[in-house]
Amino acid sequence: MRVAVFASGGGTNLQTLLDSCRPPEAAHVVLVASDEPAAGALDRARTAGVATHVIPDPGDGDAIVEVLRDVETDLVVLAGYLKLVPLGVVRAFEGRIINIHPALLPAFGGKGMYGAHVHRAVIESGATVSGVTVHLVNEEFDRGKIVAQWPVPVKAADTPETLAARVLEVEHQLLPAVVLAAARNGKVVRLPFPRAAFSAADAPAVTNTAVST
């Protein structure tokens, strides 16, 4: 499975994919694209010998589709990409674009809900559990069908920074698990929701349930 990753920032989730999607695995990253020319994710891609692309206009769906088709993309992964994906791209790659979000959607999602904004909102709400969600991408921010969710406990003394660090550890497990499961099954599949919160060292169990689109 040929994977294109979109990222706007430093690319730590990208790095987990670069590290995980290597032979003999059935997925490999063929392109890293960013709307930010100075994004650290692009540097990580160059270090790994992966092609890069700077998106001049994130709203130009036709141009994005052309770039993705040029590298024969099978799966698009949004890993910290902060722009809304144009409808033309969503339609061209329906069921083949996933996004990772640092909360348990549908709570704490939508436009403007990313990074510290999410974790601050979780803490201020009084929630005792947050988590990570991977979902299919549609024409709205954070509203596509959920593929996988893992819980992360919120501690009484948490700050947005400490909660973010705990959530990120799980992101670094969950995203590669979803991508590799998709590659092994030839399509995006659901992963089970754990029955209880767990430490970031726990390994995921992958099911073969296809995600309807």
Protein backbone atom coordinates (compact mmCIF):
# COMPACT_ATOMS: atom_id res chain seq x y z
CA MET A 1 0.00 0.00 0.00
CA ARG A 2 1.46 3.31 -1.13
CA VAL A 3 0.92 5.93 1.58
CA ALA A 4 0.98 9.71 1.24
CA VAL A 5 1.24 11.64 4.49
CA PHE A 6 0.10 15.23 4.95
CA ALA A 7 1.51 17.17 7.92
CA SER A 8 1.69 20.82 8.92
CA GLY A 9 4.17 20.58 11.77
CA GLY A 10 7.13 18.70 13.17
CA GLY A 11 6.00 15.27 12.03
CA THR A 12 6.39 13.00 15.06
CA ASN A 13 3.43 10.89 13.89
CA LEU A 14 4.99 10.84 10.43
CA GLN A 15 8.18 9.51 11.98
CA THR A 16 6.32 6.57 13.52
CA LEU A 17 5.01 5.73 10.07
CA LEU A 18 8.43 6.04 8.47
CA ASP A 19 9.80 3.71 11.14
CA SER A 20 6.91 1.22 10.95
CA CYS A 21 6.24 1.06 7.21
CA ARG A 22 9.38 -0.73 6.13
CA PRO A 23 9.95 -4.12 4.49
CA PRO A 24 8.58 -6.67 5.04
CA GLU A 25 5.50 -4.64 5.97
CA ALA A 26 2.85 -4.18 3.29
CA ALA A 27 2.84 -0.38 3.48
CA HIS A 28 5.43 2.24 2.67
CA VAL A 29 5.40 6.03 2.64
CA VAL A 30 5.90 7.38 -0.88
CA LEU A 31 5.17 11.07 -0.35
CA VAL A 32 5.08 13.66 2.42
CA ALA A 33 3.19 16.87 1.66
CA SER A 34 2.80 20.02 3.73
CA ASP A 35 1.19 23.41 3.50
CA GLU A 36 4.16 24.79 5.47
CA PRO A 37 7.45 25.03 3.52
CA ALA A 38 9.46 24.97 6.76
CA ALA A 39 7.58 22.07 8.36
CA GLY A 40 9.78 19.66 10.24
CA ALA A 41 7.84 16.81 8.64
CA LEU A 42 9.43 17.65 5.30
CA ASP A 43 12.90 17.42 6.84
CA ARG A 44 12.05 14.01 8.30
CA ALA A 45 10.89 12.83 4.88
CA ARG A 46 14.06 14.05 3.16
CA THR A 47 16.20 12.31 5.77
CA ALA A 48 14.30 9.10 5.05
CA GLY A 49 14.68 9.52 1.29
CA VAL A 50 10.94 10.06 0.76
CA ALA A 51 9.62 12.47 -1.87
CA THR A 52 8.23 15.76 -0.57
CA HIS A 53 5.77 18.33 -1.86
CA VAL A 54 4.87 21.80 -0.62
CA ILE A 55 1.19 22.54 -1.21
CA PRO A 56 0.98 26.10 -2.62
CA ASP A 57 -2.81 26.31 -2.27
CA PRO A 58 -4.47 23.90 0.21
CA GLY A 59 -7.83 24.74 -1.31
CA ASP A 60 -6.89 23.61 -4.82
CA GLY A 61 -8.30 20.10 -4.82
CA ASP A 62 -7.49 19.37 -8.45
CA ALA A 63 -3.80 20.09 -7.91
CA ILE A 64 -3.69 17.93 -4.80
CA VAL A 65 -5.40 15.03 -6.56
CA GLU A 66 -2.89 15.29 -9.41
CA VAL A 67 0.05 15.11 -6.99
CA LEU A 68 -1.43 12.09 -5.23
CA ARG A 69 -2.15 10.26 -8.47
CA ASP A 70 1.33 11.00 -9.80
CA VAL A 71 2.78 8.84 -7.01
CA GLU A 72 0.01 6.22 -7.30
CA THR A 73 -1.30 6.84 -3.79
CA ASP A 74 -3.42 4.12 -2.19
CA LEU A 75 -3.95 5.72 1.21
CA VAL A 76 -3.73 9.34 2.40
CA VAL A 77 -2.87 9.93 6.06
CA LEU A 78 -3.40 13.29 7.72
CA ALA A 79 -0.86 13.39 10.55
CA GLY A 80 -1.13 16.83 12.10
CA TYR A 81 -2.42 18.44 8.91
CA LEU A 82 -4.44 21.52 9.90
CA LYS A 83 -6.17 22.42 6.63
CA LEU A 84 -9.59 21.24 5.50
CA VAL A 85 -9.21 18.72 2.69
CA PRO A 86 -11.00 19.97 -0.46
CA LEU A 87 -14.16 18.11 -1.44
CA GLY A 88 -12.61 17.07 -4.75
CA VAL A 89 -9.85 15.22 -2.92
CA VAL A 90 -12.32 13.58 -0.53
CA ARG A 91 -14.36 12.31 -3.47
CA ALA A 92 -11.36 11.14 -5.49
CA PHE A 93 -10.02 9.16 -2.51
CA GLU A 94 -13.28 8.26 -0.78
CA GLY A 95 -12.68 5.78 2.02
CA ARG A 96 -8.93 6.14 1.58
CA ILE A 97 -8.14 9.25 3.65
CA ILE A 98 -7.68 8.97 7.41
CA ASN A 99 -6.94 11.56 10.07
CA ILE A 100 -5.66 11.25 13.62
CA HIS A 101 -7.19 13.46 16.33
CA PRO A 102 -6.01 13.85 19.96
CA ALA A 103 -9.37 13.27 21.67
CA LEU A 104 -12.28 10.86 21.65
CA LEU A 105 -14.48 12.18 18.86
CA PRO A 106 -17.15 13.38 18.43
CA ALA A 107 -16.23 15.29 21.60
CA PHE A 108 -13.60 18.03 21.34
CA GLY A 109 -13.46 18.10 17.56
CA GLY A 110 -14.21 20.54 14.78
CA LYS A 111 -12.64 23.65 13.31
CA GLY A 112 -9.94 25.15 15.51
CA MET A 113 -9.72 22.07 17.75
CA TYR A 114 -6.15 20.88 17.46
CA GLY A 115 -3.10 20.53 19.69
CA ALA A 116 -3.20 22.38 22.99
CA HIS A 117 -6.68 23.73 22.23
CA VAL A 118 -8.05 20.20 22.45
CA HIS A 119 -6.24 19.23 25.64
CA ARG A 120 -7.15 22.48 27.39
CA ALA A 121 -10.81 21.95 26.51
CA VAL A 122 -10.71 18.38 27.80
CA ILE A 123 -9.24 19.46 31.15
CA GLU A 124 -11.61 22.40 31.54
CA SER A 125 -14.59 20.12 30.86
CA GLY A 126 -13.73 17.96 33.87
CA ALA A 127 -13.47 14.80 31.76
CA THR A 128 -11.56 11.94 33.39
CA VAL A 129 -10.81 10.16 30.11
CA SER A 130 -9.50 11.55 26.84
CA GLY A 131 -7.88 9.59 24.06
CA VAL A 132 -7.02 9.30 20.39
CA THR A 133 -9.28 8.85 17.38
CA VAL A 134 -8.48 7.81 13.82
CA HIS A 135 -11.31 8.49 11.41
CA LEU A 136 -12.10 8.59 7.74
CA VAL A 137 -12.03 12.08 6.29
CA ASN A 138 -15.09 13.74 4.79
CA GLU A 139 -15.92 17.33 3.90
CA GLU A 140 -16.12 18.46 7.55
CA PHE A 141 -13.45 18.74 10.23
CA ASP A 142 -13.37 15.61 12.44
CA ARG A 143 -16.76 14.24 11.32
CA GLY A 144 -15.86 11.18 9.26
CA LYS A 145 -16.61 7.62 10.35
CA ILE A 146 -14.46 6.45 13.24
CA VAL A 147 -11.88 3.76 12.50
CA ALA A 148 -10.22 3.39 15.89
CA GLN A 149 -10.22 4.97 19.34
CA TRP A 150 -8.00 4.36 22.32
CA PRO A 151 -8.62 5.94 25.74
CA VAL A 152 -6.09 7.92 27.73
CA PRO A 153 -6.72 8.80 31.40
CA VAL A 154 -6.89 12.43 32.44
CA LYS A 155 -5.16 12.96 35.78
CA ALA A 156 -6.19 15.49 38.40
CA ALA A 157 -2.92 17.42 38.14
CA ASP A 158 -2.77 17.41 34.34
CA THR A 159 -1.92 20.49 32.33
CA PRO A 160 -2.51 20.69 28.58
CA GLU A 161 1.18 19.88 28.16
CA THR A 162 1.23 16.78 30.37
CA LEU A 163 -1.99 15.43 28.86
CA ALA A 164 -0.68 16.11 25.37
CA ALA A 165 2.45 14.08 26.08
CA ARG A 166 0.41 11.10 27.33
CA VAL A 167 -1.95 11.27 24.37
CA LEU A 168 0.93 11.54 21.91
CA GLU A 169 2.40 8.26 23.16
CA VAL A 170 -0.83 6.54 22.16
CA GLU A 171 -1.01 8.40 18.84
CA HIS A 172 2.39 6.95 18.03
CA GLN A 173 0.96 3.45 18.50
CA LEU A 174 -2.49 3.84 17.04
CA LEU A 175 -1.69 5.49 13.72
CA PRO A 176 0.83 2.88 12.54
CA ALA A 177 -1.53 0.13 13.73
CA VAL A 178 -4.35 1.49 11.57
CA VAL A 179 -2.13 2.01 8.52
CA LEU A 180 -0.54 -1.43 8.73
CA ALA A 181 -3.94 -3.07 9.26
CA ALA A 182 -5.19 -1.30 6.14
CA ALA A 183 -2.19 -2.47 4.15
CA ARG A 184 -2.57 -6.07 5.26
CA ASN A 185 -6.27 -6.10 4.42
CA GLY A 186 -6.21 -3.97 1.28
CA LYS A 187 -8.62 -1.44 2.76
CA VAL A 188 -9.16 0.58 5.91
CA VAL A 189 -10.39 -1.66 8.73
CA ARG A 190 -11.65 -0.99 12.23
CA LEU A 191 -9.60 -1.62 15.32
CA PRO A 192 -11.39 -2.52 18.56
CA PHE A 193 -11.93 -0.03 21.36
CA PRO A 194 -10.11 -1.27 24.48
CA ARG A 195 -12.43 -2.23 27.33
CA ALA A 196 -10.38 -0.24 29.79
CA ALA A 197 -7.76 2.48 29.71
CA PHE A 198 -4.26 1.12 29.38
CA SER A 199 -0.66 2.16 29.42
CA ALA A 200 1.01 3.32 26.22
CA ALA A 201 3.12 0.15 26.28
CA ASP A 202 0.11 -2.07 25.52
CA ALA A 203 0.06 -3.53 22.03
CA PRO A 204 -2.99 -3.12 19.77
CA ALA A 205 -5.14 -5.99 18.60
CA VAL A 206 -6.25 -5.65 14.98
CA THR A 207 -9.57 -6.87 13.60
CA ASN A 208 -10.45 -7.34 9.98
CA THR A 209 -13.74 -5.44 10.01
CA ALA A 210 -14.04 -3.27 6.92
CA VAL A 211 -15.13 0.33 7.39
CA SER A 212 -18.17 1.18 5.31
CA THR A 213 -18.04 4.49 3.46
